[in-house]
C-alpha cells in the first residue's frame, strides 16, 4: 500500500518535509492547527492510534475501493496515517485531507469555524463506508440499540424496534458518566404521555461519547450554552451494565 502511495516511502516523507524538525523516537507526530480545526485533529489522533482502525486504512488497496468522486478522502487519510505512524516529522499539516472532506460535505463544513466534532466524524465515516467494499468499518463503528415506547397508564400499548447507533449524547449536568448514560436511555415524549426507554443490544468497538455543550429550552424554544464542568470521567467504562439483559438489574 505504501508503494502505491508513492514510488517509495522516503519520497512520500520528503514531499511533506519542508525542513521540518524531526521527532524523537519515543514521541508521537503532532498535527498543525492552522485554521481552528483542533476538533478535526483530535479525531484523527484517536483513529490513527486505534490498532484495528489504522490496520483497515493502511491495508486497503485502491482496487478494493468503490469508484467514487470522494475517493481522495481515503487516499489522503491513508497518506496521513502512514506519515503519522512511520514518518519522522515532528508535526504534519492535515489541511489537504480536511479540504477533501469539505468538498464532499457540499459546503456544510467551513474551515476556520468551530465545528461539531461528532458532525465531522460522521461525515468522514460515511465517506469511508461509501468507498470500502468490505464492512469492516461498519462492524467497528456501529452497534445496535433497542428502543421501546410505552404509553403512560397503558402498559399493554408498547412498540419496540432495533436501530443502529454510533454516538451517545451525554448531559454534563449529571453527577458522573454512568448517570449521564442512564439518563440518555430514558426520555419522556409527547408532554409526558409516552416514555421512551432504550438499552444496548450490541456495543461497537469504537464508541463516540458526545458531551452536549448546548441545551434546548422547549418552553422558550431557544438553545442555551452549558458551562457545567463534568467532574467524573472514569478511565475504564463498563458498558456491559447497559446491555439489555443487565439494565433492569442496574436500575
C-alpha atoms as a PDB file:
ATOM      1  CA  UNK A   1       0.000   0.000   0.000  1.00  0.00           C
ATOM      2  CA  UNK A   2       2.816   2.411   0.866  1.00  0.00           C
ATOM      3  CA  UNK A   3       4.430   1.725  -2.506  1.00  0.00           C
ATOM      4  CA  UNK A   4       1.176   2.700  -4.188  1.00  0.00           C
ATOM      5  CA  UNK A   5       1.055   5.942  -2.243  1.00  0.00           C
ATOM      6  CA  UNK A   6       4.369   6.998  -3.711  1.00  0.00           C
ATOM      7  CA  UNK A   7       7.347   5.489  -5.547  1.00  0.00           C
ATOM      8  CA  UNK A   8       8.849   4.805  -2.143  1.00  0.00           C
ATOM      9  CA  UNK A   9       8.123   5.806   1.407  1.00  0.00           C
ATOM     10  CA  UNK A  10      11.176   8.028   1.672  1.00  0.00           C
ATOM     11  CA  UNK A  11       9.884  10.120  -1.223  1.00  0.00           C
ATOM     12  CA  UNK A  12       6.490  10.418   0.491  1.00  0.00           C
ATOM     13  CA  UNK A  13       8.156  11.751   3.637  1.00  0.00           C
ATOM     14  CA  UNK A  14      10.371  14.132   1.692  1.00  0.00           C
ATOM     15  CA  UNK A  15       7.334  15.554  -0.124  1.00  0.00           C
ATOM     16  CA  UNK A  16       5.970  16.789   3.191  1.00  0.00           C
ATOM     17  CA  UNK A  17       9.267  17.664   4.841  1.00  0.00           C
ATOM     18  CA  UNK A  18       9.792  21.385   4.160  1.00  0.00           C
ATOM     19  CA  UNK A  19      12.772  21.450   6.548  1.00  0.00           C
ATOM     20  CA  UNK A  20      10.635  20.356   9.474  1.00  0.00           C
ATOM     21  CA  UNK A  21      12.009  19.431  12.856  1.00  0.00           C
ATOM     22  CA  UNK A  22      12.420  15.693  13.388  1.00  0.00           C
ATOM     23  CA  UNK A  23      10.587  13.930  16.190  1.00  0.00           C
ATOM     24  CA  UNK A  24      12.350  11.784  18.737  1.00  0.00           C
ATOM     25  CA  UNK A  25      11.984   8.001  18.608  1.00  0.00           C
ATOM     26  CA  UNK A  26       9.720   7.826  21.665  1.00  0.00           C
ATOM     27  CA  UNK A  27       7.422  10.708  20.665  1.00  0.00           C
ATOM     28  CA  UNK A  28       4.296  10.984  18.523  1.00  0.00           C
ATOM     29  CA  UNK A  29       3.552  13.101  15.469  1.00  0.00           C
ATOM     30  CA  UNK A  30       1.546  16.261  16.053  1.00  0.00           C
ATOM     31  CA  UNK A  31      -0.974  17.902  13.719  1.00  0.00           C
ATOM     32  CA  UNK A  32      -0.925  21.609  12.924  1.00  0.00           C
ATOM     33  CA  UNK A  33      -3.924  23.688  13.946  1.00  0.00           C
ATOM     34  CA  UNK A  34      -3.690  26.313  11.209  1.00  0.00           C
ATOM     35  CA  UNK A  35      -7.299  27.452  10.971  1.00  0.00           C
ATOM     36  CA  UNK A  36      -9.114  26.480  14.145  1.00  0.00           C
ATOM     37  CA  UNK A  37      -9.617  22.800  13.331  1.00  0.00           C
ATOM     38  CA  UNK A  38      -8.367  21.197  16.527  1.00  0.00           C
ATOM     39  CA  UNK A  39     -11.716  19.330  16.588  1.00  0.00           C
ATOM     40  CA  UNK A  40     -10.608  17.539  13.419  1.00  0.00           C
ATOM     41  CA  UNK A  41      -7.084  16.842  14.664  1.00  0.00           C
ATOM     42  CA  UNK A  42      -8.399  15.191  17.829  1.00  0.00           C
ATOM     43  CA  UNK A  43     -10.483  12.742  15.755  1.00  0.00           C
ATOM     44  CA  UNK A  44      -7.510  11.815  13.566  1.00  0.00           C
ATOM     45  CA  UNK A  45      -5.228  11.280  16.572  1.00  0.00           C
ATOM     46  CA  UNK A  46      -7.782   8.915  18.143  1.00  0.00           C
ATOM     47  CA  UNK A  47      -8.257   6.872  14.982  1.00  0.00           C
ATOM     48  CA  UNK A  48      -4.607   6.609  13.913  1.00  0.00           C
ATOM     49  CA  UNK A  49      -3.698   5.081  17.283  1.00  0.00           C
ATOM     50  CA  UNK A  50      -6.572   2.593  17.229  1.00  0.00           C
ATOM     51  CA  UNK A  51      -4.861  -0.615  16.003  1.00  0.00           C
ATOM     52  CA  UNK A  52      -7.849  -2.130  14.191  1.00  0.00           C
ATOM     53  CA  UNK A  53      -8.950   1.113  12.503  1.00  0.00           C
ATOM     54  CA  UNK A  54      -5.435   2.036  11.335  1.00  0.00           C
ATOM     55  CA  UNK A  55      -4.875  -1.517  10.052  1.00  0.00           C
ATOM     56  CA  UNK A  56      -8.022  -1.288   7.904  1.00  0.00           C
ATOM     57  CA  UNK A  57      -6.947   2.039   6.438  1.00  0.00           C
ATOM     58  CA  UNK A  58      -3.334   1.084   5.729  1.00  0.00           C
ATOM     59  CA  UNK A  59      -4.045  -2.435   4.410  1.00  0.00           C
ATOM     60  CA  UNK A  60      -6.689  -1.412   1.878  1.00  0.00           C
ATOM     61  CA  UNK A  61      -5.585  -1.192  -1.768  1.00  0.00           C
ATOM     62  CA  UNK A  62      -7.151   1.118  -4.336  1.00  0.00           C
ATOM     63  CA  UNK A  63      -8.605  -1.879  -6.176  1.00  0.00           C
ATOM     64  CA  UNK A  64     -10.641  -2.639  -3.044  1.00  0.00           C
ATOM     65  CA  UNK A  65     -12.440   0.713  -3.237  1.00  0.00           C
ATOM     66  CA  UNK A  66     -15.682   1.538  -4.999  1.00  0.00           C
ATOM     67  CA  UNK A  67     -15.146   4.151  -7.701  1.00  0.00           C
ATOM     68  CA  UNK A  68     -16.358   7.457  -6.289  1.00  0.00           C
ATOM     69  CA  UNK A  69     -15.742  11.185  -6.556  1.00  0.00           C
ATOM     70  CA  UNK A  70     -14.749  11.268  -2.873  1.00  0.00           C
ATOM     71  CA  UNK A  71     -12.001   8.632  -3.180  1.00  0.00           C
ATOM     72  CA  UNK A  72      -9.464  11.395  -2.491  1.00  0.00           C
ATOM     73  CA  UNK A  73     -10.664  11.368   1.133  1.00  0.00           C
ATOM     74  CA  UNK A  74      -9.422   7.818   1.568  1.00  0.00           C
ATOM     75  CA  UNK A  75      -6.160   8.426  -0.304  1.00  0.00           C
ATOM     76  CA  UNK A  76      -5.273  11.473   1.802  1.00  0.00           C
ATOM     77  CA  UNK A  77      -6.312   9.724   5.022  1.00  0.00           C
ATOM     78  CA  UNK A  78      -4.080   6.795   4.115  1.00  0.00           C
ATOM     79  CA  UNK A  79      -1.130   9.110   3.440  1.00  0.00           C
ATOM     80  CA  UNK A  80      -1.637  10.953   6.714  1.00  0.00           C
ATOM     81  CA  UNK A  81      -1.871   7.722   8.723  1.00  0.00           C
ATOM     82  CA  UNK A  82       1.317   6.384   7.112  1.00  0.00           C
ATOM     83  CA  UNK A  83       3.265   9.550   7.884  1.00  0.00           C
ATOM     84  CA  UNK A  84       1.948   9.765  11.454  1.00  0.00           C
ATOM     85  CA  UNK A  85       2.845   6.157  12.255  1.00  0.00           C
ATOM     86  CA  UNK A  86       6.072   5.687  10.286  1.00  0.00           C
ATOM     87  CA  UNK A  87       7.324   9.154   9.365  1.00  0.00           C
ATOM     88  CA  UNK A  88       9.958  11.204  11.195  1.00  0.00           C
ATOM     89  CA  UNK A  89       8.365  14.676  11.024  1.00  0.00           C
ATOM     90  CA  UNK A  90       7.500  16.222  14.377  1.00  0.00           C
ATOM     91  CA  UNK A  91       4.249  17.686  13.025  1.00  0.00           C
ATOM     92  CA  UNK A  92       2.120  17.422   9.891  1.00  0.00           C
ATOM     93  CA  UNK A  93      -0.434  19.608   8.171  1.00  0.00           C
ATOM     94  CA  UNK A  94      -3.839  17.854   7.705  1.00  0.00           C
ATOM     95  CA  UNK A  95      -5.317  20.649   5.549  1.00  0.00           C
ATOM     96  CA  UNK A  96      -5.381  18.591   2.322  1.00  0.00           C
ATOM     97  CA  UNK A  97      -7.477  15.856   3.948  1.00  0.00           C
ATOM     98  CA  UNK A  98      -9.774  18.415   5.533  1.00  0.00           C
ATOM     99  CA  UNK A  99     -10.266  20.117   2.152  1.00  0.00           C
ATOM    100  CA  UNK A 100     -11.262  16.763   0.635  1.00  0.00           C
ATOM    101  CA  UNK A 101     -13.873  16.317   3.364  1.00  0.00           C
ATOM    102  CA  UNK A 102     -15.030  19.863   2.770  1.00  0.00           C
ATOM    103  CA  UNK A 103     -15.760  19.081  -0.881  1.00  0.00           C
ATOM    104  CA  UNK A 104     -17.839  16.011  -0.016  1.00  0.00           C
ATOM    105  CA  UNK A 105     -19.814  17.960   2.598  1.00  0.00           C
ATOM    106  CA  UNK A 106     -21.235  20.317  -0.070  1.00  0.00           C
ATOM    107  CA  UNK A 107     -20.117  23.352   1.959  1.00  0.00           C
ATOM    108  CA  UNK A 108     -21.809  22.192   5.149  1.00  0.00           C
ATOM    109  CA  UNK A 109     -18.415  22.468   6.862  1.00  0.00           C
ATOM    110  CA  UNK A 110     -16.410  25.681   6.856  1.00  0.00           C
ATOM    111  CA  UNK A 111     -12.681  25.746   7.566  1.00  0.00           C
ATOM    112  CA  UNK A 112     -11.873  28.416  10.112  1.00  0.00           C
ATOM    113  CA  UNK A 113     -15.086  27.952  12.068  1.00  0.00           C
ATOM    114  CA  UNK A 114     -15.536  25.708  15.096  1.00  0.00           C
ATOM    115  CA  UNK A 115     -17.438  22.608  14.012  1.00  0.00           C
ATOM    116  CA  UNK A 116     -19.227  19.889  15.904  1.00  0.00           C
ATOM    117  CA  UNK A 117     -16.736  17.050  16.401  1.00  0.00           C
ATOM    118  CA  UNK A 118     -19.480  14.437  16.021  1.00  0.00           C
ATOM    119  CA  UNK A 119     -20.694  16.023  12.776  1.00  0.00           C
ATOM    120  CA  UNK A 120     -17.253  15.870  11.184  1.00  0.00           C
ATOM    121  CA  UNK A 121     -16.678  12.363  12.498  1.00  0.00           C
ATOM    122  CA  UNK A 122     -19.865  11.048  10.887  1.00  0.00           C
ATOM    123  CA  UNK A 123     -19.018  12.793   7.610  1.00  0.00           C
ATOM    124  CA  UNK A 124     -15.643  11.045   7.447  1.00  0.00           C
ATOM    125  CA  UNK A 125     -17.057   7.652   8.469  1.00  0.00           C
ATOM    126  CA  UNK A 126     -19.864   7.987   5.883  1.00  0.00           C
ATOM    127  CA  UNK A 127     -17.274   8.673   3.181  1.00  0.00           C
ATOM    128  CA  UNK A 128     -15.272   5.599   4.216  1.00  0.00           C
ATOM    129  CA  UNK A 129     -18.385   3.399   4.283  1.00  0.00           C
ATOM    130  CA  UNK A 130     -19.290   4.503   0.759  1.00  0.00           C
ATOM    131  CA  UNK A 131     -15.785   3.717  -0.513  1.00  0.00           C
ATOM    132  CA  UNK A 132     -14.816   0.438   1.158  1.00  0.00           C
ATOM    133  CA  UNK A 133     -16.179  -2.750  -0.360  1.00  0.00           C
ATOM    134  CA  UNK A 134     -15.875  -4.580   2.953  1.00  0.00           C
ATOM    135  CA  UNK A 135     -17.977  -3.832   6.041  1.00  0.00           C
ATOM    136  CA  UNK A 136     -15.059  -3.809   8.499  1.00  0.00           C
ATOM    137  CA  UNK A 137     -15.505  -0.129   9.357  1.00  0.00           C
ATOM    138  CA  UNK A 138     -19.227  -0.576   9.915  1.00  0.00           C
ATOM    139  CA  UNK A 139     -18.635  -3.524  12.266  1.00  0.00           C
ATOM    140  CA  UNK A 140     -16.143  -1.389  14.166  1.00  0.00           C
ATOM    141  CA  UNK A 141     -18.192   1.795  14.429  1.00  0.00           C
ATOM    142  CA  UNK A 142     -21.836   0.760  14.732  1.00  0.00           C
ATOM    143  CA  UNK A 143     -23.772  -1.087  17.413  1.00  0.00           C
ATOM    144  CA  UNK A 144     -27.455  -1.842  17.970  1.00  0.00           C
ATOM    145  CA  UNK A 145     -29.824  -0.188  20.409  1.00  0.00           C
ATOM    146  CA  UNK A 146     -33.298  -1.386  21.423  1.00  0.00           C
ATOM    147  CA  UNK A 147     -35.927   1.368  21.562  1.00  0.00           C
ATOM    148  CA  UNK A 148     -39.147   0.729  23.454  1.00  0.00           C
ATOM    149  CA  UNK A 149     -42.105   3.132  23.539  1.00  0.00           C
ATOM    150  CA  UNK A 150     -44.766   2.846  26.235  1.00  0.00           C
ATOM    151  CA  UNK A 151     -47.933   4.906  26.694  1.00  0.00           C
ATOM    152  CA  UNK A 152     -48.320   6.091  30.295  1.00  0.00           C
ATOM    153  CA  UNK A 153     -51.082   4.225  32.193  1.00  0.00           C
ATOM    154  CA  UNK A 154     -51.358   1.690  29.383  1.00  0.00           C
ATOM    155  CA  UNK A 155     -48.634  -0.928  29.742  1.00  0.00           C
ATOM    156  CA  UNK A 156     -50.213  -3.100  27.067  1.00  0.00           C
ATOM    157  CA  UNK A 157     -49.649  -0.488  24.348  1.00  0.00           C
ATOM    158  CA  UNK A 158     -45.944  -0.851  23.535  1.00  0.00           C
ATOM    159  CA  UNK A 159     -43.746  -0.612  20.483  1.00  0.00           C
ATOM    160  CA  UNK A 160     -40.214  -1.973  20.208  1.00  0.00           C
ATOM    161  CA  UNK A 161     -37.633  -1.567  17.456  1.00  0.00           C
ATOM    162  CA  UNK A 162     -33.892  -2.039  16.911  1.00  0.00           C
ATOM    163  CA  UNK A 163     -31.758   0.770  15.485  1.00  0.00           C
ATOM    164  CA  UNK A 164     -28.085   1.186  14.606  1.00  0.00           C
ATOM    165  CA  UNK A 165     -26.093   3.757  16.574  1.00  0.00           C
ATOM    166  CA  UNK A 166     -22.524   5.023  16.877  1.00  0.00           C
ATOM    167  CA  UNK A 167     -22.843   8.077  19.151  1.00  0.00           C
ATOM    168  CA  UNK A 168     -24.169   8.553  22.679  1.00  0.00           C
ATOM    169  CA  UNK A 169     -25.013  12.191  23.520  1.00  0.00           C
ATOM    170  CA  UNK A 170     -24.407  12.899  27.217  1.00  0.00           C
ATOM    171  CA  UNK A 171     -25.575  15.653  29.537  1.00  0.00           C
ATOM    172  CA  UNK A 172     -22.854  17.361  31.591  1.00  0.00           C
ATOM    173  CA  UNK A 173     -25.432  18.108  34.293  1.00  0.00           C
ATOM    174  CA  UNK A 174     -25.247  14.574  35.685  1.00  0.00           C
ATOM    175  CA  UNK A 175     -23.013  13.500  38.582  1.00  0.00           C
ATOM    176  CA  UNK A 176     -20.927  11.086  36.538  1.00  0.00           C
ATOM    177  CA  UNK A 177     -20.803   9.298  33.214  1.00  0.00           C
ATOM    178  CA  UNK A 178     -22.934   6.341  34.347  1.00  0.00           C
ATOM    179  CA  UNK A 179     -25.793   8.639  35.414  1.00  0.00           C
ATOM    180  CA  UNK A 180     -25.412  10.549  32.141  1.00  0.00           C
ATOM    181  CA  UNK A 181     -25.699   7.382  30.026  1.00  0.00           C
ATOM    182  CA  UNK A 182     -28.624   6.121  32.097  1.00  0.00           C
ATOM    183  CA  UNK A 183     -30.360   9.475  31.636  1.00  0.00           C
ATOM    184  CA  UNK A 184     -29.873   9.223  27.866  1.00  0.00           C
ATOM    185  CA  UNK A 185     -31.556   5.817  27.832  1.00  0.00           C
ATOM    186  CA  UNK A 186     -34.860   7.204  29.175  1.00  0.00           C
ATOM    187  CA  UNK A 187     -36.811  10.056  27.617  1.00  0.00           C
ATOM    188  CA  UNK A 188     -40.323  11.462  28.214  1.00  0.00           C
ATOM    189  CA  UNK A 189     -42.163  12.361  24.995  1.00  0.00           C
ATOM    190  CA  UNK A 190     -45.425  13.980  23.964  1.00  0.00           C
ATOM    191  CA  UNK A 191     -45.835  16.069  27.142  1.00  0.00           C
ATOM    192  CA  UNK A 192     -45.402  13.105  29.435  1.00  0.00           C
ATOM    193  CA  UNK A 193     -47.789  10.745  27.631  1.00  0.00           C
ATOM    194  CA  UNK A 194     -45.100   8.457  26.182  1.00  0.00           C
ATOM    195  CA  UNK A 195     -41.989   7.008  27.820  1.00  0.00           C
ATOM    196  CA  UNK A 196     -39.118   6.079  25.503  1.00  0.00           C
ATOM    197  CA  UNK A 197     -36.644   3.658  27.091  1.00  0.00           C
ATOM    198  CA  UNK A 198     -33.541   2.257  25.409  1.00  0.00           C
ATOM    199  CA  UNK A 199     -30.966  -0.438  26.044  1.00  0.00           C
ATOM    200  CA  UNK A 200     -27.936  -1.598  24.112  1.00  0.00           C
ATOM    201  CA  UNK A 201     -28.140  -4.882  22.254  1.00  0.00           C
ATOM    202  CA  UNK A 202     -24.635  -4.600  20.803  1.00  0.00           C
ATOM    203  CA  UNK A 203     -21.958  -2.050  21.709  1.00  0.00           C
ATOM    204  CA  UNK A 204     -19.479  -1.040  18.961  1.00  0.00           C
ATOM    205  CA  UNK A 205     -15.724  -1.463  19.446  1.00  0.00           C
ATOM    206  CA  UNK A 206     -15.300   2.279  18.828  1.00  0.00           C
ATOM    207  CA  UNK A 207     -17.924   4.357  20.636  1.00  0.00           C
ATOM    208  CA  UNK A 208     -18.158   8.142  20.483  1.00  0.00           C
ATOM    209  CA  UNK A 209     -19.370   9.829  23.684  1.00  0.00           C
ATOM    210  CA  UNK A 210     -20.631  13.302  22.824  1.00  0.00           C
ATOM    211  CA  UNK A 211     -20.833  15.773  25.702  1.00  0.00           C
ATOM    212  CA  UNK A 212     -23.562  18.266  24.897  1.00  0.00           C
ATOM    213  CA  UNK A 213     -22.424  21.866  25.202  1.00  0.00           C
ATOM    214  CA  UNK A 214     -25.877  23.261  24.474  1.00  0.00           C
ATOM    215  CA  UNK A 215     -29.310  22.543  25.916  1.00  0.00           C
ATOM    216  CA  UNK A 216     -32.662  23.211  24.278  1.00  0.00           C
ATOM    217  CA  UNK A 217     -35.350  25.048  26.217  1.00  0.00           C
ATOM    218  CA  UNK A 218     -38.604  23.601  24.856  1.00  0.00           C
ATOM    219  CA  UNK A 219     -40.734  26.280  26.517  1.00  0.00           C
ATOM    220  CA  UNK A 220     -38.891  29.287  25.107  1.00  0.00           C
ATOM    221  CA  UNK A 221     -37.670  27.369  22.028  1.00  0.00           C
ATOM    222  CA  UNK A 222     -34.080  28.569  22.356  1.00  0.00           C
ATOM    223  CA  UNK A 223     -30.690  26.892  22.771  1.00  0.00           C
ATOM    224  CA  UNK A 224     -28.622  27.641  25.864  1.00  0.00           C
ATOM    225  CA  UNK A 225     -24.877  27.065  26.256  1.00  0.00           C
ATOM    226  CA  UNK A 226     -23.953  24.666  29.072  1.00  0.00           C
ATOM    227  CA  UNK A 227     -20.832  25.653  31.018  1.00  0.00           C
ATOM    228  CA  UNK A 228     -21.127  22.987  33.729  1.00  0.00           C
ATOM    229  CA  UNK A 229     -17.913  21.088  34.421  1.00  0.00           C
ATOM    230  CA  UNK A 230     -18.200  17.323  34.162  1.00  0.00           C
ATOM    231  CA  UNK A 231     -16.449  16.216  37.334  1.00  0.00           C
ATOM    232  CA  UNK A 232     -16.223  12.453  36.988  1.00  0.00           C
ATOM    233  CA  UNK A 233     -14.887  10.659  33.928  1.00  0.00           C
ATOM    234  CA  UNK A 234     -13.508   7.185  34.631  1.00  0.00           C
ATOM    235  CA  UNK A 235     -10.568   5.739  32.704  1.00  0.00           C
ATOM    236  CA  UNK A 236     -12.376   2.430  32.258  1.00  0.00           C
ATOM    237  CA  UNK A 237     -16.062   2.440  31.337  1.00  0.00           C
ATOM    238  CA  UNK A 238     -18.006  -0.771  31.980  1.00  0.00           C
ATOM    239  CA  UNK A 239     -20.611  -0.571  29.226  1.00  0.00           C
ATOM    240  CA  UNK A 240     -21.866  -4.127  29.761  1.00  0.00           C
ATOM    241  CA  UNK A 241     -24.108  -2.898  32.590  1.00  0.00           C
ATOM    242  CA  UNK A 242     -26.190  -1.067  29.967  1.00  0.00           C
ATOM    243  CA  UNK A 243     -26.828  -4.117  27.818  1.00  0.00           C
ATOM    244  CA  UNK A 244     -30.490  -5.079  27.574  1.00  0.00           C
ATOM    245  CA  UNK A 245     -30.012  -8.193  29.731  1.00  0.00           C
ATOM    246  CA  UNK A 246     -28.339  -6.246  32.567  1.00  0.00           C
ATOM    247  CA  UNK A 247     -30.172  -2.907  32.538  1.00  0.00           C
ATOM    248  CA  UNK A 248     -33.040  -3.934  34.830  1.00  0.00           C
ATOM    249  CA  UNK A 249     -30.544  -5.024  37.470  1.00  0.00           C
ATOM    250  CA  UNK A 250     -28.712  -1.686  37.170  1.00  0.00           C
ATOM    251  CA  UNK A 251     -31.895   0.330  37.671  1.00  0.00           C
END
